[in-house]
C-alpha atoms as a PDB file:
ATOM      1  CA  MET A   1      31.934   8.141 -47.413  1.00  0.00           C
ATOM      2  CA  SER A   2      34.742   5.960 -46.458  1.00  0.00           C
ATOM      3  CA  LEU A   3      34.451   2.761 -44.471  1.00  0.00           C
ATOM      4  CA  ILE A   4      35.983   4.406 -41.384  1.00  0.00           C
ATOM      5  CA  SER A   5      33.426   7.227 -41.366  1.00  0.00           C
ATOM      6  CA  ILE A   6      30.556   4.702 -41.716  1.00  0.00           C
ATOM      7  CA  ARG A   7      31.884   2.746 -38.743  1.00  0.00           C
ATOM      8  CA  LEU A   8      32.222   5.951 -36.765  1.00  0.00           C
ATOM      9  CA  LEU A   9      28.612   6.921 -37.536  1.00  0.00           C
ATOM     10  CA  LEU A  10      27.406   3.449 -36.480  1.00  0.00           C
ATOM     11  CA  GLN A  11      29.316   3.696 -33.201  1.00  0.00           C
ATOM     12  CA  ILE A  12      27.791   7.102 -32.477  1.00  0.00           C
ATOM     13  CA  GLN A  13      24.306   5.768 -33.246  1.00  0.00           C
ATOM     14  CA  ASN A  14      24.855   2.715 -31.007  1.00  0.00           C
ATOM     15  CA  HIS A  15      26.126   4.967 -28.213  1.00  0.00           C
ATOM     16  CA  LYS A  16      22.965   7.122 -28.415  1.00  0.00           C
ATOM     17  CA  THR A  17      20.789   3.998 -28.319  1.00  0.00           C
ATOM     18  CA  LEU A  18      22.643   2.656 -25.262  1.00  0.00           C
ATOM     19  CA  ASN A  19      22.265   5.964 -23.425  1.00  0.00           C
ATOM     20  CA  TRP A  20      18.551   5.982 -24.187  1.00  0.00           C
ATOM     21  CA  MET A  21      18.170   2.379 -22.996  1.00  0.00           C
ATOM     22  CA  ASN A  22      20.121   3.133 -19.810  1.00  0.00           C
ATOM     23  CA  SER A  23      17.796   6.053 -19.108  1.00  0.00           C
ATOM     24  CA  ILE A  24      14.717   3.876 -19.556  1.00  0.00           C
ATOM     25  CA  TYR A  25      16.246   1.153 -17.367  1.00  0.00           C
ATOM     26  CA  LEU A  26      17.042   3.663 -14.617  1.00  0.00           C
ATOM     27  CA  PHE A  27      13.506   5.094 -14.867  1.00  0.00           C
ATOM     28  CA  PHE A  28      11.969   1.625 -14.387  1.00  0.00           C
ATOM     29  CA  ILE A  29      14.245   0.886 -11.415  1.00  0.00           C
ATOM     30  CA  ILE A  30      13.212   4.154  -9.744  1.00  0.00           C
ATOM     31  CA  ILE A  31       9.511   3.439 -10.358  1.00  0.00           C
ATOM     32  CA  LEU A  32       9.871  -0.086  -8.920  1.00  0.00           C
ATOM     33  CA  PHE A  33      11.629   1.301  -5.832  1.00  0.00           C
ATOM     34  CA  ILE A  34       8.824   3.821  -5.268  1.00  0.00           C
ATOM     35  CA  LEU A  35       6.156   1.136  -5.713  1.00  0.00           C
ATOM     36  CA  SER A  36       7.874  -1.282  -3.333  1.00  0.00           C
ATOM     37  CA  PHE A  37       8.256   1.413  -0.677  1.00  0.00           C
ATOM     38  CA  SER A  38       4.590   2.419  -0.960  1.00  0.00           C
ATOM     39  CA  ASP A  39       3.493  -1.238  -0.805  1.00  0.00           C
ATOM     40  CA  LEU A  40       5.528  -1.791   2.355  1.00  0.00           C
ATOM     41  CA  PHE A  41       4.172   1.393   3.908  1.00  0.00           C
ATOM     42  CA  VAL A  42       0.545   0.481   3.129  1.00  0.00           C
ATOM     43  CA  GLY A  43       0.976  -3.096   4.416  1.00  0.00           C
ATOM     44  CA  VAL A  44       2.413  -2.007   7.746  1.00  0.00           C
ATOM     45  CA  ALA A  45      -0.181   0.738   8.147  1.00  0.00           C
ATOM     46  CA  ASN A  46      -2.970  -1.775   7.472  1.00  0.00           C
ATOM     47  CA  ASP A  47      -1.663  -4.135  10.173  1.00  0.00           C
ATOM     48  CA  ALA A  48      -1.433  -1.281  12.669  1.00  0.00           C
ATOM     49  CA  VAL A  49      -4.976  -0.111  11.922  1.00  0.00           C
ATOM     50  CA  ASN A  50      -6.360  -3.643  12.298  1.00  0.00           C
ATOM     51  CA  PHE A  51      -4.689  -3.974  15.694  1.00  0.00           C
ATOM     52  CA  LEU A  52      -5.910  -0.580  16.890  1.00  0.00           C
ATOM     53  CA  ASN A  53      -9.475  -1.113  15.632  1.00  0.00           C
ATOM     54  CA  SER A  54      -9.915  -4.400  17.464  1.00  0.00           C
ATOM     55  CA  ALA A  55      -8.334  -3.094  20.684  1.00  0.00           C
ATOM     56  CA  ILE A  56     -10.332   0.140  20.743  1.00  0.00           C
ATOM     57  CA  GLY A  57     -13.541  -1.466  19.485  1.00  0.00           C
ATOM     58  CA  ALA A  58     -13.516  -4.125  22.197  1.00  0.00           C
ATOM     59  CA  ARG A  59     -12.830  -1.400  24.783  1.00  0.00           C
ATOM     60  CA  VAL A  60     -10.012  -3.422  26.248  1.00  0.00           C
ATOM     61  CA  ALA A  61      -8.393  -0.243  27.530  1.00  0.00           C
ATOM     62  CA  SER A  62      -8.712   3.465  27.023  1.00  0.00           C
ATOM     63  CA  PHE A  63      -7.611   5.067  23.791  1.00  0.00           C
ATOM     64  CA  LYS A  64      -4.552   6.574  25.462  1.00  0.00           C
ATOM     65  CA  VAL A  65      -3.364   3.213  26.852  1.00  0.00           C
ATOM     66  CA  VAL A  66      -3.871   1.475  23.497  1.00  0.00           C
ATOM     67  CA  MET A  67      -1.862   4.192  21.735  1.00  0.00           C
ATOM     68  CA  ILE A  68       0.957   3.944  24.293  1.00  0.00           C
ATOM     69  CA  VAL A  69       1.139   0.160  23.905  1.00  0.00           C
ATOM     70  CA  ALA A  70       1.081   0.492  20.121  1.00  0.00           C
ATOM     71  CA  SER A  71       3.868   3.095  20.247  1.00  0.00           C
ATOM     72  CA  ILE A  72       6.040   0.882  22.428  1.00  0.00           C
ATOM     73  CA  GLY A  73       5.416  -2.047  20.067  1.00  0.00           C
ATOM     74  CA  LEU A  74       6.314   0.074  17.048  1.00  0.00           C
ATOM     75  CA  ILE A  75       9.566   1.297  18.596  1.00  0.00           C
ATOM     76  CA  THR A  76      10.508  -2.216  19.734  1.00  0.00           C
ATOM     77  CA  GLY A  77       9.722  -3.713  16.327  1.00  0.00           C
ATOM     78  CA  ALA A  78      11.739  -1.076  14.491  1.00  0.00           C
ATOM     79  CA  THR A  79      14.674  -1.588  16.856  1.00  0.00           C
ATOM     80  CA  PHE A  80      14.848  -5.391  16.746  1.00  0.00           C
ATOM     81  CA  SER A  81      13.643  -6.197  13.226  1.00  0.00           C
ATOM     82  CA  SER A  82      17.008  -7.350  11.839  1.00  0.00           C
ATOM     83  CA  GLY A  83      16.158 -11.032  12.377  1.00  0.00           C
ATOM     84  CA  LEU A  84      13.016 -10.658  10.312  1.00  0.00           C
ATOM     85  CA  MET A  85      15.014  -9.160   7.475  1.00  0.00           C
ATOM     86  CA  GLU A  86      17.271 -12.232   7.488  1.00  0.00           C
ATOM     87  CA  ILE A  87      14.210 -14.452   7.169  1.00  0.00           C
ATOM     88  CA  ALA A  88      12.924 -12.303   4.318  1.00  0.00           C
ATOM     89  CA  ARG A  89      16.262 -12.494   2.523  1.00  0.00           C
ATOM     90  CA  LYS A  90      16.832 -16.235   2.951  1.00  0.00           C
ATOM     91  CA  GLY A  91      13.240 -17.476   2.856  1.00  0.00           C
ATOM     92  CA  LEU A  92      11.399 -19.615   5.340  1.00  0.00           C
ATOM     93  CA  PHE A  93      12.774 -22.981   4.254  1.00  0.00           C
END
């Protein structure tokens, strides 16, 4: 084998290794995205359940009224949450 063919074989082998590493990297990024989304979903759901349990358990209002207030709070929070995202991006201090 000549020197050029050896270099060509090494370049092909390096290219295969890079493709494999890129696939693994992409797989880990996708898994981290799924985990972060599920963690956010569970955290928000836990806060909502805590609020509803204390309001319904104390019999502050009927179930229907508590659910209406919670729905309005959820819609308002989803609409105006951009300021909270700025705090999350920049940090508290």
